[in-house]
Structures are given as structure tokens and as C-alpha cells.
PDB file of N, CA and C in Angstrom:
ATOM      1  N   UNK A   1       8.277 -32.641  13.246  1.00  0.00           N
ATOM      2  CA  UNK A   1       8.149 -32.346  11.841  1.00  0.00           C
ATOM      3  C   UNK A   1       6.685 -32.120  11.462  1.00  0.00           C
ATOM      4  N   UNK A   2       5.781 -32.923  12.009  1.00  0.00           N
ATOM      5  CA  UNK A   2       4.370 -32.783  11.699  1.00  0.00           C
ATOM      6  C   UNK A   2       3.836 -31.449  12.208  1.00  0.00           C
ATOM      7  N   UNK A   3       4.255 -31.044  13.397  1.00  0.00           N
ATOM      8  CA  UNK A   3       3.756 -29.777  13.941  1.00  0.00           C
ATOM      9  C   UNK A   3       4.236 -28.594  13.115  1.00  0.00           C
ATOM     10  N   UNK A   4       5.402 -28.698  12.507  1.00  0.00           N
ATOM     11  CA  UNK A   4       5.902 -27.628  11.648  1.00  0.00           C
ATOM     12  C   UNK A   4       5.052 -27.509  10.392  1.00  0.00           C
ATOM     13  N   UNK A   5       4.637 -28.626   9.822  1.00  0.00           N
ATOM     14  CA  UNK A   5       3.769 -28.619   8.650  1.00  0.00           C
ATOM     15  C   UNK A   5       2.411 -28.017   8.996  1.00  0.00           C
ATOM     16  N   UNK A   6       1.880 -28.382  10.146  1.00  0.00           N
ATOM     17  CA  UNK A   6       0.610 -27.825  10.594  1.00  0.00           C
ATOM     18  C   UNK A   6       0.735 -26.318  10.791  1.00  0.00           C
ATOM     19  N   UNK A   7       1.849 -25.870  11.311  1.00  0.00           N
ATOM     20  CA  UNK A   7       2.074 -24.439  11.514  1.00  0.00           C
ATOM     21  C   UNK A   7       2.104 -23.699  10.180  1.00  0.00           C
ATOM     22  N   UNK A   8       2.755 -24.266   9.161  1.00  0.00           N
ATOM     23  CA  UNK A   8       2.798 -23.620   7.852  1.00  0.00           C
ATOM     24  C   UNK A   8       1.402 -23.506   7.239  1.00  0.00           C
ATOM     25  N   UNK A   9       0.622 -24.573   7.298  1.00  0.00           N
ATOM     26  CA  UNK A   9      -0.733 -24.549   6.741  1.00  0.00           C
ATOM     27  C   UNK A   9      -1.597 -23.548   7.508  1.00  0.00           C
ATOM     28  N   UNK A  10      -1.485 -23.547   8.815  1.00  0.00           N
ATOM     29  CA  UNK A  10      -2.257 -22.615   9.636  1.00  0.00           C
ATOM     30  C   UNK A  10      -1.885 -21.174   9.321  1.00  0.00           C
ATOM     31  N   UNK A  11      -0.617 -20.904   9.182  1.00  0.00           N
ATOM     32  CA  UNK A  11      -0.160 -19.558   8.862  1.00  0.00           C
ATOM     33  C   UNK A  11      -0.701 -19.102   7.509  1.00  0.00           C
ATOM     34  N   UNK A  12      -0.685 -19.976   6.527  1.00  0.00           N
ATOM     35  CA  UNK A  12      -1.229 -19.636   5.209  1.00  0.00           C
ATOM     36  C   UNK A  12      -2.716 -19.335   5.268  1.00  0.00           C
ATOM     37  N   UNK A  13      -3.461 -20.124   6.030  1.00  0.00           N
ATOM     38  CA  UNK A  13      -4.899 -19.893   6.162  1.00  0.00           C
ATOM     39  C   UNK A  13      -5.187 -18.600   6.912  1.00  0.00           C
ATOM     40  N   UNK A  14      -4.375 -18.286   7.908  1.00  0.00           N
ATOM     41  CA  UNK A  14      -4.555 -17.034   8.635  1.00  0.00           C
ATOM     42  C   UNK A  14      -4.271 -15.828   7.738  1.00  0.00           C
ATOM     43  N   UNK A  15      -3.266 -15.937   6.872  1.00  0.00           N
ATOM     44  CA  UNK A  15      -2.998 -14.859   5.922  1.00  0.00           C
ATOM     45  C   UNK A  15      -4.154 -14.695   4.939  1.00  0.00           C
ATOM     46  N   UNK A  16      -4.721 -15.785   4.485  1.00  0.00           N
ATOM     47  CA  UNK A  16      -5.886 -15.724   3.605  1.00  0.00           C
ATOM     48  C   UNK A  16      -7.026 -14.983   4.294  1.00  0.00           C
ATOM     49  N   UNK A  17      -7.329 -15.356   5.520  1.00  0.00           N
ATOM     50  CA  UNK A  17      -8.414 -14.710   6.265  1.00  0.00           C
ATOM     51  C   UNK A  17      -8.115 -13.233   6.500  1.00  0.00           C
ATOM     52  N   UNK A  18      -6.856 -12.901   6.809  1.00  0.00           N
ATOM     53  CA  UNK A  18      -6.482 -11.512   7.051  1.00  0.00           C
ATOM     54  C   UNK A  18      -6.683 -10.659   5.801  1.00  0.00           C
ATOM     55  N   UNK A  19      -6.189 -11.113   4.657  1.00  0.00           N
ATOM     56  CA  UNK A  19      -6.305 -10.313   3.442  1.00  0.00           C
ATOM     57  C   UNK A  19      -7.759 -10.204   2.974  1.00  0.00           C
ATOM     58  N   UNK A  20      -8.546 -11.253   3.137  1.00  0.00           N
ATOM     59  CA  UNK A  20      -9.958 -11.156   2.776  1.00  0.00           C
ATOM     60  C   UNK A  20     -10.694 -10.208   3.724  1.00  0.00           C
ATOM     61  N   UNK A  21     -10.365 -10.231   5.008  1.00  0.00           N
ATOM     62  CA  UNK A  21     -10.970  -9.295   5.960  1.00  0.00           C
ATOM     63  C   UNK A  21     -10.566  -7.864   5.618  1.00  0.00           C
ATOM     64  N   UNK A  22      -9.336  -7.674   5.177  1.00  0.00           N
ATOM     65  CA  UNK A  22      -8.881  -6.348   4.764  1.00  0.00           C
ATOM     66  C   UNK A  22      -9.675  -5.858   3.552  1.00  0.00           C
ATOM     67  N   UNK A  23      -9.930  -6.728   2.609  1.00  0.00           N
ATOM     68  CA  UNK A  23     -10.747  -6.358   1.448  1.00  0.00           C
ATOM     69  C   UNK A  23     -12.156  -5.952   1.875  1.00  0.00           C
ATOM     70  N   UNK A  24     -12.737  -6.711   2.772  1.00  0.00           N
ATOM     71  CA  UNK A  24     -14.084  -6.398   3.248  1.00  0.00           C
ATOM     72  C   UNK A  24     -14.077  -5.073   3.997  1.00  0.00           C
ATOM     73  N   UNK A  25     -13.045  -4.808   4.771  1.00  0.00           N
ATOM     74  CA  UNK A  25     -12.960  -3.542   5.504  1.00  0.00           C
ATOM     75  C   UNK A  25     -12.804  -2.357   4.548  1.00  0.00           C
ATOM     76  N   UNK A  26     -12.062  -2.533   3.472  1.00  0.00           N
ATOM     77  CA  UNK A  26     -11.859  -1.454   2.515  1.00  0.00           C
ATOM     78  C   UNK A  26     -13.091  -1.180   1.658  1.00  0.00           C
ATOM     79  N   UNK A  27     -13.842  -2.208   1.337  1.00  0.00           N
ATOM     80  CA  UNK A  27     -15.024  -2.057   0.483  1.00  0.00           C
ATOM     81  C   UNK A  27     -16.085  -3.064   0.915  1.00  0.00           C
ATOM     82  N   UNK A  28     -16.835  -2.778   1.985  1.00  0.00           N
ATOM     83  CA  UNK A  28     -17.760  -3.771   2.546  1.00  0.00           C
ATOM     84  C   UNK A  28     -19.006  -4.046   1.713  1.00  0.00           C
ATOM     85  N   UNK A  29     -19.308  -3.241   0.734  1.00  0.00           N
ATOM     86  CA  UNK A  29     -20.543  -3.407  -0.023  1.00  0.00           C
ATOM     87  C   UNK A  29     -20.677  -4.716  -0.751  1.00  0.00           C
ATOM     88  N   UNK A  30     -19.582  -5.283  -1.208  1.00  0.00           N
ATOM     89  CA  UNK A  30     -19.677  -6.519  -1.987  1.00  0.00           C
ATOM     90  C   UNK A  30     -20.128  -7.709  -1.155  1.00  0.00           C
ATOM     91  N   UNK A  31     -19.886  -7.687   0.115  1.00  0.00           N
ATOM     92  CA  UNK A  31     -20.267  -8.805   0.965  1.00  0.00           C
ATOM     93  C   UNK A  31     -21.578  -8.525   1.695  1.00  0.00           C
ATOM     94  N   UNK A  32     -21.778  -7.291   2.087  1.00  0.00           N
ATOM     95  CA  UNK A  32     -22.927  -6.949   2.921  1.00  0.00           C
ATOM     96  C   UNK A  32     -24.207  -6.679   2.147  1.00  0.00           C
ATOM     97  N   UNK A  33     -24.111  -6.384   0.865  1.00  0.00           N
ATOM     98  CA  UNK A  33     -25.303  -6.144   0.049  1.00  0.00           C
ATOM     99  C   UNK A  33     -25.525  -7.338  -0.866  1.00  0.00           C
ATOM    100  N   UNK A  34     -26.774  -7.712  -1.028  1.00  0.00           N
ATOM    101  CA  UNK A  34     -27.065  -8.927  -1.801  1.00  0.00           C
ATOM    102  C   UNK A  34     -26.967  -8.734  -3.309  1.00  0.00           C
ATOM    103  N   UNK A  35     -26.982  -7.519  -3.800  1.00  0.00           N
ATOM    104  CA  UNK A  35     -26.991  -7.306  -5.249  1.00  0.00           C
ATOM    105  C   UNK A  35     -25.654  -6.822  -5.812  1.00  0.00           C
ATOM    106  N   UNK A  36     -24.588  -6.960  -5.090  1.00  0.00           N
ATOM    107  CA  UNK A  36     -23.293  -6.423  -5.523  1.00  0.00           C
ATOM    108  C   UNK A  36     -22.404  -7.453  -6.217  1.00  0.00           C
ATOM    109  N   UNK A  37     -22.639  -8.721  -6.106  1.00  0.00           N
ATOM    110  CA  UNK A  37     -21.877  -9.701  -6.862  1.00  0.00           C
ATOM    111  C   UNK A  37     -20.937 -10.577  -6.071  1.00  0.00           C
ATOM    112  N   UNK A  38     -20.520 -10.174  -4.904  1.00  0.00           N
ATOM    113  CA  UNK A  38     -19.709 -11.052  -4.074  1.00  0.00           C
ATOM    114  C   UNK A  38     -18.225 -10.771  -4.106  1.00  0.00           C
ATOM    115  N   UNK A  39     -17.461 -11.726  -3.599  1.00  0.00           N
ATOM    116  CA  UNK A  39     -16.021 -11.570  -3.389  1.00  0.00           C
ATOM    117  C   UNK A  39     -15.232 -11.389  -4.682  1.00  0.00           C
ATOM    118  N   UNK A  40     -15.684 -11.931  -5.766  1.00  0.00           N
ATOM    119  CA  UNK A  40     -14.896 -11.862  -7.002  1.00  0.00           C
ATOM    120  C   UNK A  40     -14.762 -10.441  -7.535  1.00  0.00           C
ATOM    121  N   UNK A  41     -15.596  -9.520  -7.114  1.00  0.00           N
ATOM    122  CA  UNK A  41     -15.515  -8.140  -7.582  1.00  0.00           C
ATOM    123  C   UNK A  41     -14.429  -7.326  -6.893  1.00  0.00           C
ATOM    124  N   UNK A  42     -13.795  -7.852  -5.870  1.00  0.00           N
ATOM    125  CA  UNK A  42     -12.738  -7.100  -5.201  1.00  0.00           C
ATOM    126  C   UNK A  42     -11.512  -6.908  -6.085  1.00  0.00           C
ATOM    127  N   UNK A  43     -11.267  -7.758  -7.016  1.00  0.00           N
ATOM    128  CA  UNK A  43     -10.094  -7.645  -7.861  1.00  0.00           C
ATOM    129  C   UNK A  43     -10.167  -6.550  -8.902  1.00  0.00           C
ATOM    130  N   UNK A  44     -11.337  -5.936  -9.095  1.00  0.00           N
ATOM    131  CA  UNK A  44     -11.474  -4.918 -10.133  1.00  0.00           C
ATOM    132  C   UNK A  44     -11.352  -3.492  -9.596  1.00  0.00           C
ATOM    133  N   UNK A  45     -11.233  -3.324  -8.292  1.00  0.00           N
ATOM    134  CA  UNK A  45     -11.100  -1.991  -7.703  1.00  0.00           C
ATOM    135  C   UNK A  45      -9.666  -1.762  -7.257  1.00  0.00           C
ATOM    136  N   UNK A  46      -9.169  -0.570  -7.496  1.00  0.00           N
ATOM    137  CA  UNK A  46      -7.774  -0.254  -7.223  1.00  0.00           C
ATOM    138  C   UNK A  46      -7.415  -0.397  -5.746  1.00  0.00           C
ATOM    139  N   UNK A  47      -8.305   0.043  -4.853  1.00  0.00           N
ATOM    140  CA  UNK A  47      -7.957  -0.003  -3.430  1.00  0.00           C
ATOM    141  C   UNK A  47      -7.979  -1.415  -2.848  1.00  0.00           C
ATOM    142  N   UNK A  48      -8.654  -2.341  -3.479  1.00  0.00           N
ATOM    143  CA  UNK A  48      -8.687  -3.718  -2.972  1.00  0.00           C
ATOM    144  C   UNK A  48      -7.918  -4.696  -3.851  1.00  0.00           C
ATOM    145  N   UNK A  49      -7.312  -4.209  -4.913  1.00  0.00           N
ATOM    146  CA  UNK A  49      -6.636  -5.106  -5.851  1.00  0.00           C
ATOM    147  C   UNK A  49      -5.467  -5.856  -5.211  1.00  0.00           C
ATOM    148  N   UNK A  50      -4.593  -5.137  -4.506  1.00  0.00           N
ATOM    149  CA  UNK A  50      -3.409  -5.784  -3.919  1.00  0.00           C
ATOM    150  C   UNK A  50      -3.769  -6.818  -2.855  1.00  0.00           C
ATOM    151  N   UNK A  51      -4.598  -6.488  -1.850  1.00  0.00           N
ATOM    152  CA  UNK A  51      -4.920  -7.529  -0.870  1.00  0.00           C
ATOM    153  C   UNK A  51      -5.731  -8.675  -1.466  1.00  0.00           C
ATOM    154  N   UNK A  52      -6.591  -8.368  -2.443  1.00  0.00           N
ATOM    155  CA  UNK A  52      -7.367  -9.418  -3.097  1.00  0.00           C
ATOM    156  C   UNK A  52      -6.453 -10.378  -3.848  1.00  0.00           C
ATOM    157  N   UNK A  53      -5.477  -9.822  -4.552  1.00  0.00           N
ATOM    158  CA  UNK A  53      -4.540 -10.652  -5.305  1.00  0.00           C
ATOM    159  C   UNK A  53      -3.733 -11.541  -4.372  1.00  0.00           C
ATOM    160  N   UNK A  54      -3.292 -10.993  -3.256  1.00  0.00           N
ATOM    161  CA  UNK A  54      -2.523 -11.785  -2.302  1.00  0.00           C
ATOM    162  C   UNK A  54      -3.360 -12.887  -1.661  1.00  0.00           C
ATOM    163  N   UNK A  55      -4.635 -12.615  -1.436  1.00  0.00           N
ATOM    164  CA  UNK A  55      -5.452 -13.615  -0.760  1.00  0.00           C
ATOM    165  C   UNK A  55      -6.154 -14.557  -1.731  1.00  0.00           C
ATOM    166  N   UNK A  56      -6.838 -14.015  -2.687  1.00  0.00           N
ATOM    167  CA  UNK A  56      -7.709 -14.854  -3.499  1.00  0.00           C
ATOM    168  C   UNK A  56      -6.947 -15.702  -4.502  1.00  0.00           C
ATOM    169  N   UNK A  57      -5.865 -15.202  -4.991  1.00  0.00           N
ATOM    170  CA  UNK A  57      -5.058 -16.024  -5.894  1.00  0.00           C
ATOM    171  C   UNK A  57      -4.234 -17.043  -5.112  1.00  0.00           C
ATOM    172  N   UNK A  58      -4.420 -17.043  -3.797  1.00  0.00           N
ATOM    173  CA  UNK A  58      -3.773 -18.002  -2.900  1.00  0.00           C
ATOM    174  C   UNK A  58      -2.258 -17.958  -2.981  1.00  0.00           C
ATOM    175  N   UNK A  59      -1.726 -16.799  -3.254  1.00  0.00           N
ATOM    176  CA  UNK A  59      -0.269 -16.684  -3.304  1.00  0.00           C
ATOM    177  C   UNK A  59       0.345 -17.012  -1.946  1.00  0.00           C
ATOM    178  N   UNK A  60      -0.231 -16.445  -0.910  1.00  0.00           N
ATOM    179  CA  UNK A  60       0.297 -16.710   0.437  1.00  0.00           C
ATOM    180  C   UNK A  60       0.019 -18.149   0.858  1.00  0.00           C
ATOM    181  N   UNK A  61      -1.185 -18.602   0.609  1.00  0.00           N
ATOM    182  CA  UNK A  61      -1.535 -19.969   1.004  1.00  0.00           C
ATOM    183  C   UNK A  61      -0.719 -21.003   0.248  1.00  0.00           C
ATOM    184  N   UNK A  62      -0.518 -20.779  -1.027  1.00  0.00           N
ATOM    185  CA  UNK A  62       0.219 -21.773  -1.811  1.00  0.00           C
ATOM    186  C   UNK A  62       1.672 -21.855  -1.378  1.00  0.00           C
ATOM    187  N   UNK A  63       2.264 -20.725  -1.025  1.00  0.00           N
ATOM    188  CA  UNK A  63       3.663 -20.749  -0.574  1.00  0.00           C
ATOM    189  C   UNK A  63       3.803 -21.564   0.709  1.00  0.00           C
ATOM    190  N   UNK A  64       2.930 -21.310   1.659  1.00  0.00           N
ATOM    191  CA  UNK A  64       3.039 -22.024   2.929  1.00  0.00           C
ATOM    192  C   UNK A  64       2.560 -23.465   2.835  1.00  0.00           C
ATOM    193  N   UNK A  65       1.617 -23.755   1.978  1.00  0.00           N
ATOM    194  CA  UNK A  65       1.199 -25.146   1.777  1.00  0.00           C
ATOM    195  C   UNK A  65       2.321 -25.941   1.118  1.00  0.00           C
ATOM    196  N   UNK A  66       3.020 -25.315   0.197  1.00  0.00           N
ATOM    197  CA  UNK A  66       4.149 -25.992  -0.438  1.00  0.00           C
ATOM    198  C   UNK A  66       5.252 -26.259   0.579  1.00  0.00           C
ATOM    199  N   UNK A  67       5.510 -25.273   1.428  1.00  0.00           N
ATOM    200  CA  UNK A  67       6.535 -25.476   2.456  1.00  0.00           C
ATOM    201  C   UNK A  67       6.135 -26.592   3.408  1.00  0.00           C
ATOM    202  N   UNK A  68       4.839 -26.695   3.701  1.00  0.00           N
ATOM    203  CA  UNK A  68       4.361 -27.756   4.578  1.00  0.00           C
ATOM    204  C   UNK A  68       4.528 -29.124   3.915  1.00  0.00           C
ATOM    205  N   UNK A  69       4.325 -29.185   2.614  1.00  0.00           N
ATOM    206  CA  UNK A  69       4.420 -30.477   1.919  1.00  0.00           C
ATOM    207  C   UNK A  69       5.878 -30.961   1.798  1.00  0.00           C
ATOM    208  N   UNK A  70       6.797 -30.012   1.796  1.00  0.00           N
ATOM    209  CA  UNK A  70       8.194 -30.413   1.682  1.00  0.00           C
ATOM    210  C   UNK A  70       8.687 -30.947   3.009  1.00  0.00           C
TER     211      UNK A  70
END
């Protein structure tokens, strides 16, 4: 039972990392340039809105963390 909970949390964290990496790949300027503002600006661009919403709002992480807690 414990290993299943660990698997759910790990899966959620991997999804978070995947979607954030996808955002960086689609628009690398926000992370690679010092004057662009950072990760929070990904939600305002159309091409990064969907992956940003899935990752940063922790939709994927919260679902799997909840499953792990149950």
C-alpha cells in the first residue's frame, strides 16, 4: 500500500516536471533571460497556456497526491 502511494506522488511530480519542461521548450525566453519575469508569465501566452495550466495550477499533482492520500 505504501509503495502505491509513493508511485502516485512520483507520477504527479513527473507530470509537473514534464509540463514545465514543455513550457520552457515552447517559449524558453522566460527562464533563460534575466529580464523576462520568470515562470509566472507562461500562463499569459496562448501556446503555453494549456501546459502551464496543467502543471502550475497543480491539477495533475493534486489529483495524484489526493489518490496517494486515500
